Amino acid sequence: MPKLIPFPTRHVQRCAARLVIWSASRDPLSKPAPWSDRPMPPASLGNMLQQLAKQRPVLVLLFESVVAEILAQLQ
């Protein structure tokens, strides 16, 4: 039986806290400047998550946990 890896709860909480801090804008009401060389997005987020769920389902669980932690910290 393969050795189980513990779920990184503290790491998810720290990552979510950093993402909340980094996403805070100093000028929330100002419109961002348009990108002069904006790349085209590869696909919609839903399509990318479906592809990731097929290839690495554990990563989708980790992303889901980070998003849930961010929402909990924002409330």
N, C-alpha and C. Protein backbone atom coordinates (compact mmCIF):
# COMPACT_ATOMS: atom_id res chain seq x y z
N MET A 1 0.85 -1.18 0.00
CA MET A 1 0.00 0.00 0.00
C MET A 1 0.89 1.24 0.00
N PRO A 2 0.61 2.21 -0.89
CA PRO A 2 1.45 3.41 -0.95
C PRO A 2 1.29 4.26 0.30
N LYS A 3 2.37 4.97 0.64
CA LYS A 3 2.35 5.84 1.80
C LYS A 3 1.45 7.05 1.52
N LEU A 4 0.56 7.36 2.45
CA LEU A 4 -0.37 8.48 2.28
C LEU A 4 0.33 9.79 2.62
N ILE A 5 0.04 10.81 1.84
CA ILE A 5 0.59 12.14 2.07
C ILE A 5 -0.47 12.95 2.80
N PRO A 6 -0.13 13.57 3.95
CA PRO A 6 -1.14 14.35 4.67
C PRO A 6 -1.54 15.59 3.88
N PHE A 7 -2.80 15.98 4.03
CA PHE A 7 -3.31 17.16 3.32
C PHE A 7 -2.69 18.41 3.94
N PRO A 8 -2.19 19.33 3.12
CA PRO A 8 -1.47 20.51 3.64
C PRO A 8 -2.40 21.63 4.11
N THR A 9 -3.09 21.42 5.22
CA THR A 9 -4.09 22.38 5.69
C THR A 9 -3.47 23.74 5.99
N ARG A 10 -2.37 23.77 6.75
CA ARG A 10 -1.75 25.05 7.10
C ARG A 10 -1.22 25.77 5.87
N HIS A 11 -0.69 25.01 4.94
CA HIS A 11 -0.17 25.61 3.71
C HIS A 11 -1.31 26.23 2.89
N VAL A 12 -2.44 25.56 2.84
CA VAL A 12 -3.61 26.10 2.12
C VAL A 12 -4.08 27.39 2.78
N GLN A 13 -4.11 27.43 4.10
CA GLN A 13 -4.55 28.64 4.81
C GLN A 13 -3.59 29.80 4.56
N ARG A 14 -2.28 29.54 4.61
CA ARG A 14 -1.30 30.60 4.36
C ARG A 14 -1.37 31.08 2.92
N CYS A 15 -1.52 30.15 1.99
CA CYS A 15 -1.62 30.51 0.57
C CYS A 15 -2.85 31.37 0.33
N ALA A 16 -3.98 31.00 0.91
CA ALA A 16 -5.21 31.76 0.75
C ALA A 16 -5.06 33.16 1.34
N ALA A 17 -4.42 33.27 2.50
CA ALA A 17 -4.22 34.58 3.12
C ALA A 17 -3.35 35.47 2.23
N ARG A 18 -2.28 34.90 1.66
CA ARG A 18 -1.42 35.68 0.78
C ARG A 18 -2.17 36.13 -0.47
N LEU A 19 -2.99 35.25 -1.04
CA LEU A 19 -3.73 35.61 -2.25
C LEU A 19 -4.73 36.72 -1.97
N VAL A 20 -5.36 36.70 -0.79
CA VAL A 20 -6.31 37.76 -0.43
C VAL A 20 -5.57 39.08 -0.31
N ILE A 21 -4.39 39.07 0.33
CA ILE A 21 -3.61 40.30 0.49
C ILE A 21 -3.15 40.82 -0.87
N TRP A 22 -2.63 39.93 -1.69
CA TRP A 22 -2.12 40.34 -3.00
C TRP A 22 -3.21 40.84 -3.92
N SER A 23 -4.44 40.35 -3.74
CA SER A 23 -5.52 40.76 -4.64
C SER A 23 -6.13 42.09 -4.23
N ALA A 24 -5.81 42.59 -3.04
CA ALA A 24 -6.37 43.86 -2.58
C ALA A 24 -5.79 44.99 -3.42
N SER A 25 -6.66 45.77 -3.99
CA SER A 25 -6.23 46.89 -4.83
C SER A 25 -6.25 48.17 -4.02
N ARG A 26 -5.30 49.03 -4.27
CA ARG A 26 -5.27 50.32 -3.57
C ARG A 26 -6.30 51.29 -4.17
N ASP A 27 -6.61 51.12 -5.41
CA ASP A 27 -7.61 51.95 -6.08
C ASP A 27 -8.73 51.05 -6.60
N PRO A 28 -9.65 50.59 -5.74
CA PRO A 28 -10.66 49.63 -6.20
C PRO A 28 -11.65 50.21 -7.19
N LEU A 29 -11.79 51.52 -7.24
CA LEU A 29 -12.78 52.11 -8.13
C LEU A 29 -12.19 52.56 -9.47
N SER A 30 -10.87 52.58 -9.59
CA SER A 30 -10.27 53.03 -10.84
C SER A 30 -10.24 51.89 -11.86
N LYS A 31 -10.44 52.26 -13.09
CA LYS A 31 -10.43 51.27 -14.17
C LYS A 31 -8.98 50.95 -14.52
N PRO A 32 -8.62 49.67 -14.63
CA PRO A 32 -7.24 49.34 -14.98
C PRO A 32 -6.90 49.78 -16.40
N ALA A 33 -5.63 50.10 -16.59
CA ALA A 33 -5.17 50.51 -17.91
C ALA A 33 -5.22 49.30 -18.86
N PRO A 34 -5.63 49.51 -20.09
CA PRO A 34 -5.67 48.37 -21.04
C PRO A 34 -4.26 47.88 -21.36
N TRP A 35 -4.13 46.58 -21.55
CA TRP A 35 -2.85 45.98 -21.89
C TRP A 35 -2.55 46.26 -23.35
N SER A 36 -1.31 46.63 -23.62
CA SER A 36 -0.95 46.86 -25.02
C SER A 36 -0.65 45.56 -25.74
N ASP A 37 -0.16 44.56 -25.02
CA ASP A 37 0.20 43.28 -25.64
C ASP A 37 -0.44 42.10 -24.89
N ARG A 38 -1.72 42.24 -24.59
CA ARG A 38 -2.42 41.22 -23.81
C ARG A 38 -2.47 39.90 -24.57
N PRO A 39 -2.03 38.80 -23.92
CA PRO A 39 -2.10 37.50 -24.60
C PRO A 39 -3.54 36.98 -24.61
N MET A 40 -3.83 36.19 -25.59
CA MET A 40 -5.15 35.57 -25.67
C MET A 40 -5.22 34.46 -24.62
N PRO A 41 -6.31 34.38 -23.86
CA PRO A 41 -6.40 33.30 -22.88
C PRO A 41 -6.48 31.94 -23.58
N PRO A 42 -5.84 30.92 -23.01
CA PRO A 42 -5.82 29.62 -23.68
C PRO A 42 -7.20 28.96 -23.76
N ALA A 43 -7.99 29.10 -22.71
CA ALA A 43 -9.33 28.51 -22.68
C ALA A 43 -10.06 29.10 -21.48
N SER A 44 -11.35 28.83 -21.40
CA SER A 44 -12.08 29.32 -20.23
C SER A 44 -11.65 28.52 -19.00
N LEU A 45 -11.87 29.10 -17.84
CA LEU A 45 -11.45 28.46 -16.59
C LEU A 45 -12.12 27.10 -16.41
N GLY A 46 -13.39 27.01 -16.76
CA GLY A 46 -14.09 25.73 -16.62
C GLY A 46 -13.47 24.63 -17.46
N ASN A 47 -13.11 24.97 -18.70
CA ASN A 47 -12.48 23.98 -19.58
C ASN A 47 -11.13 23.55 -19.04
N MET A 48 -10.35 24.52 -18.53
CA MET A 48 -9.04 24.19 -17.98
C MET A 48 -9.17 23.31 -16.74
N LEU A 49 -10.17 23.59 -15.89
CA LEU A 49 -10.37 22.76 -14.69
C LEU A 49 -10.82 21.35 -15.05
N GLN A 50 -11.65 21.22 -16.09
CA GLN A 50 -12.06 19.88 -16.52
C GLN A 50 -10.88 19.08 -17.05
N GLN A 51 -10.02 19.73 -17.80
CA GLN A 51 -8.83 19.05 -18.31
C GLN A 51 -7.90 18.67 -17.16
N LEU A 52 -7.74 19.57 -16.19
CA LEU A 52 -6.91 19.27 -15.04
C LEU A 52 -7.50 18.15 -14.19
N ALA A 53 -8.83 18.10 -14.08
CA ALA A 53 -9.48 17.04 -13.31
C ALA A 53 -9.22 15.67 -13.92
N LYS A 54 -9.09 15.62 -15.24
CA LYS A 54 -8.78 14.34 -15.89
C LYS A 54 -7.32 13.94 -15.67
N GLN A 55 -6.41 14.94 -15.74
CA GLN A 55 -4.99 14.63 -15.66
C GLN A 55 -4.49 14.53 -14.22
N ARG A 56 -4.90 15.45 -13.37
CA ARG A 56 -4.44 15.48 -11.97
C ARG A 56 -5.61 15.85 -11.05
N PRO A 57 -6.48 14.93 -10.70
CA PRO A 57 -7.64 15.27 -9.87
C PRO A 57 -7.28 15.78 -8.48
N VAL A 58 -6.13 15.41 -7.97
CA VAL A 58 -5.72 15.88 -6.64
C VAL A 58 -5.50 17.39 -6.65
N LEU A 59 -5.00 17.93 -7.75
CA LEU A 59 -4.78 19.37 -7.83
C LEU A 59 -6.09 20.14 -7.80
N VAL A 60 -7.12 19.59 -8.39
CA VAL A 60 -8.43 20.25 -8.36
C VAL A 60 -8.94 20.33 -6.92
N LEU A 61 -8.73 19.27 -6.14
CA LEU A 61 -9.10 19.28 -4.73
C LEU A 61 -8.33 20.35 -3.97
N LEU A 62 -7.05 20.49 -4.28
CA LEU A 62 -6.23 21.52 -3.63
C LEU A 62 -6.72 22.92 -3.99
N PHE A 63 -7.00 23.16 -5.28
CA PHE A 63 -7.53 24.46 -5.70
C PHE A 63 -8.87 24.75 -5.03
N GLU A 64 -9.71 23.73 -4.95
CA GLU A 64 -11.01 23.89 -4.31
C GLU A 64 -10.84 24.29 -2.84
N SER A 65 -9.87 23.69 -2.18
CA SER A 65 -9.62 24.01 -0.77
C SER A 65 -9.09 25.43 -0.61
N VAL A 66 -8.22 25.86 -1.51
CA VAL A 66 -7.71 27.23 -1.45
C VAL A 66 -8.83 28.23 -1.66
N VAL A 67 -9.69 28.00 -2.63
CA VAL A 67 -10.82 28.91 -2.89
C VAL A 67 -11.76 28.94 -1.69
N ALA A 68 -12.06 27.80 -1.10
CA ALA A 68 -12.93 27.76 0.08
C ALA A 68 -12.31 28.53 1.24
N GLU A 69 -11.01 28.39 1.42
CA GLU A 69 -10.31 29.12 2.49
C GLU A 69 -10.32 30.62 2.24
N ILE A 70 -10.13 31.03 0.99
CA ILE A 70 -10.18 32.46 0.65
C ILE A 70 -11.57 33.02 0.97
N LEU A 71 -12.61 32.31 0.59
CA LEU A 71 -13.96 32.79 0.87
C LEU A 71 -14.22 32.86 2.37
N ALA A 72 -13.69 31.89 3.13
CA ALA A 72 -13.86 31.92 4.58
C ALA A 72 -13.13 33.11 5.19
N GLN A 73 -11.95 33.43 4.68
CA GLN A 73 -11.19 34.56 5.22
C GLN A 73 -11.81 35.91 4.83
N LEU A 74 -12.48 35.97 3.70
CA LEU A 74 -13.11 37.21 3.26
C LEU A 74 -14.37 37.52 4.06
N GLN A 75 -14.99 36.52 4.64
CA GLN A 75 -16.23 36.73 5.41
C GLN A 75 -15.97 37.18 6.80
